[in-house]
Amino acid sequence: MRLLAKRITGIVCPRRVIDQTLTSQGFVRRGQHPPTYDIRIEDVVSGTVYRLRIPTSPQQTSGFSDDTLLRLGQPSIDRKKSPKGHLKDQPIPSSVLTAANEKIAEVASYLRTPSYR
């Protein structure tokens, strides 16, 4: 199972909308220009913590605007820490990938809703 990157990659919204949406969904902003958003996903069975990351990039605009537009990049997931070193080379469990995909789908649905912007 892979991440459903197509659902979210390429969405363009004002920075404040992206920031508000992602932080309200539990993501933490890293950096400022452009920001990257991370959220922790823990596999309770193994105690391993994963990080779902959504990068952004500035979107060129033809006019002048008070609010910068950002384009969401391809999300990625990686192992942040594992209490057992031998899990380092193990594939990401399907339950963690499912949780990450559900979070991506939820965020994408908010950002694609015209009334939400």
C-alpha atoms as a PDB file:
ATOM      1  CA  MET A   1       0.000   0.000   0.000  1.00  0.00           C
ATOM      2  CA  ARG A   2       1.258   3.452  -0.858  1.00  0.00           C
ATOM      3  CA  LEU A   3       0.349   6.977   0.119  1.00  0.00           C
ATOM      4  CA  LEU A   4      -2.501   8.556  -1.816  1.00  0.00           C
ATOM      5  CA  ALA A   5      -0.316  11.433  -2.950  1.00  0.00           C
ATOM      6  CA  LYS A   6      -2.474  12.313  -5.973  1.00  0.00           C
ATOM      7  CA  ARG A   7      -5.316  13.438  -3.707  1.00  0.00           C
ATOM      8  CA  ILE A   8      -3.318  16.265  -2.189  1.00  0.00           C
ATOM      9  CA  THR A   9      -0.283  16.949  -4.387  1.00  0.00           C
ATOM     10  CA  GLY A  10      -0.693  20.128  -6.410  1.00  0.00           C
ATOM     11  CA  ILE A  11      -3.521  21.710  -4.432  1.00  0.00           C
ATOM     12  CA  VAL A  12      -3.012  25.490  -4.436  1.00  0.00           C
ATOM     13  CA  CYS A  13      -4.561  27.643  -1.692  1.00  0.00           C
ATOM     14  CA  PRO A  14      -3.743  30.791   0.232  1.00  0.00           C
ATOM     15  CA  ARG A  15      -1.073  30.200   2.851  1.00  0.00           C
ATOM     16  CA  ARG A  16      -3.436  31.095   5.719  1.00  0.00           C
ATOM     17  CA  VAL A  17      -5.975  28.478   4.542  1.00  0.00           C
ATOM     18  CA  ILE A  18      -3.355  25.747   4.253  1.00  0.00           C
ATOM     19  CA  ASP A  19      -1.844  26.686   7.606  1.00  0.00           C
ATOM     20  CA  GLN A  20      -5.201  26.821   9.376  1.00  0.00           C
ATOM     21  CA  THR A  21      -6.411  23.563   7.845  1.00  0.00           C
ATOM     22  CA  LEU A  22      -3.292  21.527   8.509  1.00  0.00           C
ATOM     23  CA  THR A  23      -2.677  22.823  12.022  1.00  0.00           C
ATOM     24  CA  SER A  24      -6.329  22.242  12.953  1.00  0.00           C
ATOM     25  CA  GLN A  25      -5.864  18.636  11.810  1.00  0.00           C
ATOM     26  CA  GLY A  26      -2.878  18.142  14.133  1.00  0.00           C
ATOM     27  CA  PHE A  27       0.007  18.979  11.816  1.00  0.00           C
ATOM     28  CA  VAL A  28       2.925  21.049  13.096  1.00  0.00           C
ATOM     29  CA  ARG A  29       4.481  23.712  10.848  1.00  0.00           C
ATOM     30  CA  ARG A  30       8.236  23.391  10.343  1.00  0.00           C
ATOM     31  CA  GLY A  31      10.065  26.300   8.776  1.00  0.00           C
ATOM     32  CA  GLN A  32       8.560  29.413   7.274  1.00  0.00           C
ATOM     33  CA  HIS A  33       9.636  29.941   3.654  1.00  0.00           C
ATOM     34  CA  PRO A  34       8.073  27.668   2.491  1.00  0.00           C
ATOM     35  CA  PRO A  35       6.688  25.717   5.433  1.00  0.00           C
ATOM     36  CA  THR A  36       6.584  21.945   5.741  1.00  0.00           C
ATOM     37  CA  TYR A  37       3.876  20.278   7.824  1.00  0.00           C
ATOM     38  CA  ASP A  38       4.443  17.160   9.936  1.00  0.00           C
ATOM     39  CA  ILE A  39       2.164  14.939  11.979  1.00  0.00           C
ATOM     40  CA  ARG A  40       3.088  12.004  14.186  1.00  0.00           C
ATOM     41  CA  ILE A  41       1.468   8.632  13.663  1.00  0.00           C
ATOM     42  CA  GLU A  42       2.223   5.998  16.282  1.00  0.00           C
ATOM     43  CA  ASP A  43       1.964   2.265  15.775  1.00  0.00           C
ATOM     44  CA  VAL A  44       0.741   1.247  19.224  1.00  0.00           C
ATOM     45  CA  VAL A  45       1.613  -2.416  18.677  1.00  0.00           C
ATOM     46  CA  SER A  46       5.334  -1.803  18.158  1.00  0.00           C
ATOM     47  CA  GLY A  47       5.619   1.620  19.803  1.00  0.00           C
ATOM     48  CA  THR A  48       7.178   2.960  16.637  1.00  0.00           C
ATOM     49  CA  VAL A  49       6.518   6.596  15.731  1.00  0.00           C
ATOM     50  CA  TYR A  50       6.187   7.636  12.098  1.00  0.00           C
ATOM     51  CA  ARG A  51       6.105  11.099  10.570  1.00  0.00           C
ATOM     52  CA  LEU A  52       3.732  12.058   7.784  1.00  0.00           C
ATOM     53  CA  ARG A  53       5.188  15.100   6.048  1.00  0.00           C
ATOM     54  CA  ILE A  54       3.532  17.436   3.552  1.00  0.00           C
ATOM     55  CA  PRO A  55       5.895  19.942   1.915  1.00  0.00           C
ATOM     56  CA  THR A  56       4.769  23.184   0.291  1.00  0.00           C
ATOM     57  CA  SER A  57       6.211  25.475  -2.329  1.00  0.00           C
ATOM     58  CA  PRO A  58       5.348  29.063  -3.267  1.00  0.00           C
ATOM     59  CA  GLN A  59       2.958  29.391  -6.192  1.00  0.00           C
ATOM     60  CA  GLN A  60       3.628  32.115  -8.735  1.00  0.00           C
ATOM     61  CA  THR A  61       0.769  34.575  -9.096  1.00  0.00           C
ATOM     62  CA  SER A  62       0.198  37.039 -11.895  1.00  0.00           C
ATOM     63  CA  GLY A  63      -1.261  39.731  -9.661  1.00  0.00           C
ATOM     64  CA  PHE A  64      -0.454  41.256  -6.324  1.00  0.00           C
ATOM     65  CA  SER A  65      -2.025  39.696  -3.295  1.00  0.00           C
ATOM     66  CA  ASP A  66      -1.762  40.121   0.445  1.00  0.00           C
ATOM     67  CA  ASP A  67      -1.856  36.373   0.957  1.00  0.00           C
ATOM     68  CA  THR A  68       0.806  34.137  -0.587  1.00  0.00           C
ATOM     69  CA  LEU A  69      -0.401  31.097  -2.457  1.00  0.00           C
ATOM     70  CA  LEU A  70       1.170  27.753  -1.623  1.00  0.00           C
ATOM     71  CA  ARG A  71       1.170  24.522  -3.605  1.00  0.00           C
ATOM     72  CA  LEU A  72       1.120  21.287  -1.623  1.00  0.00           C
ATOM     73  CA  GLY A  73       3.870  18.853  -2.531  1.00  0.00           C
ATOM     74  CA  GLN A  74       4.001  15.070  -2.454  1.00  0.00           C
ATOM     75  CA  PRO A  75       3.482  13.702   1.046  1.00  0.00           C
ATOM     76  CA  SER A  76       5.942  11.228   2.505  1.00  0.00           C
ATOM     77  CA  ILE A  77       6.043   8.995   5.543  1.00  0.00           C
ATOM     78  CA  ASP A  78       9.097   7.797   7.416  1.00  0.00           C
ATOM     79  CA  ARG A  79      10.020   6.156  10.669  1.00  0.00           C
ATOM     80  CA  LYS A  80      10.847   8.784  13.264  1.00  0.00           C
ATOM     81  CA  LYS A  81      11.839   6.545  16.167  1.00  0.00           C
ATOM     82  CA  SER A  82      11.575   2.937  17.138  1.00  0.00           C
ATOM     83  CA  PRO A  83      12.036   1.496  20.627  1.00  0.00           C
ATOM     84  CA  LYS A  84      13.407  -1.661  19.035  1.00  0.00           C
ATOM     85  CA  GLY A  85      16.356  -1.130  16.711  1.00  0.00           C
ATOM     86  CA  HIS A  86      15.567  -4.244  14.673  1.00  0.00           C
ATOM     87  CA  LEU A  87      12.391  -2.622  13.303  1.00  0.00           C
ATOM     88  CA  LYS A  88      14.483  -0.091  11.418  1.00  0.00           C
ATOM     89  CA  ASP A  89      14.509  -2.054   8.168  1.00  0.00           C
ATOM     90  CA  GLN A  90      10.924  -3.326   8.397  1.00  0.00           C
ATOM     91  CA  PRO A  91       8.291  -2.007   5.980  1.00  0.00           C
ATOM     92  CA  ILE A  92       5.775   0.512   7.269  1.00  0.00           C
ATOM     93  CA  PRO A  93       2.751  -1.425   8.600  1.00  0.00           C
ATOM     94  CA  SER A  94      -0.438  -1.254   6.545  1.00  0.00           C
ATOM     95  CA  SER A  95      -2.331   0.162   9.548  1.00  0.00           C
ATOM     96  CA  VAL A  96       0.027   3.158   9.628  1.00  0.00           C
ATOM     97  CA  LEU A  97      -0.278   3.665   5.860  1.00  0.00           C
ATOM     98  CA  THR A  98      -4.070   3.466   6.174  1.00  0.00           C
ATOM     99  CA  ALA A  99      -4.045   6.121   8.909  1.00  0.00           C
ATOM    100  CA  ALA A 100      -1.768   8.350   6.806  1.00  0.00           C
ATOM    101  CA  ASN A 101      -3.975   7.938   3.720  1.00  0.00           C
ATOM    102  CA  GLU A 102      -7.097   8.766   5.716  1.00  0.00           C
ATOM    103  CA  LYS A 103      -5.454  11.932   7.045  1.00  0.00           C
ATOM    104  CA  ILE A 104      -4.384  12.930   3.520  1.00  0.00           C
ATOM    105  CA  ALA A 105      -7.906  12.326   2.178  1.00  0.00           C
ATOM    106  CA  GLU A 106      -9.436  14.350   5.020  1.00  0.00           C
ATOM    107  CA  VAL A 107      -7.139  17.336   4.467  1.00  0.00           C
ATOM    108  CA  ALA A 108      -7.624  17.178   0.691  1.00  0.00           C
ATOM    109  CA  SER A 109     -11.407  17.170   1.075  1.00  0.00           C
ATOM    110  CA  TYR A 110     -11.285  20.307   3.233  1.00  0.00           C
ATOM    111  CA  LEU A 111      -8.940  22.130   0.877  1.00  0.00           C
ATOM    112  CA  ARG A 112     -10.909  21.191  -2.239  1.00  0.00           C
ATOM    113  CA  THR A 113     -14.215  22.433  -0.794  1.00  0.00           C
ATOM    114  CA  PRO A 114     -14.820  25.890  -2.330  1.00  0.00           C
ATOM    115  CA  SER A 115     -16.799  27.180   0.661  1.00  0.00           C
ATOM    116  CA  TYR A 116     -13.966  26.245   3.027  1.00  0.00           C
ATOM    117  CA  ARG A 117     -11.493  28.587   1.325  1.00  0.00           C
END
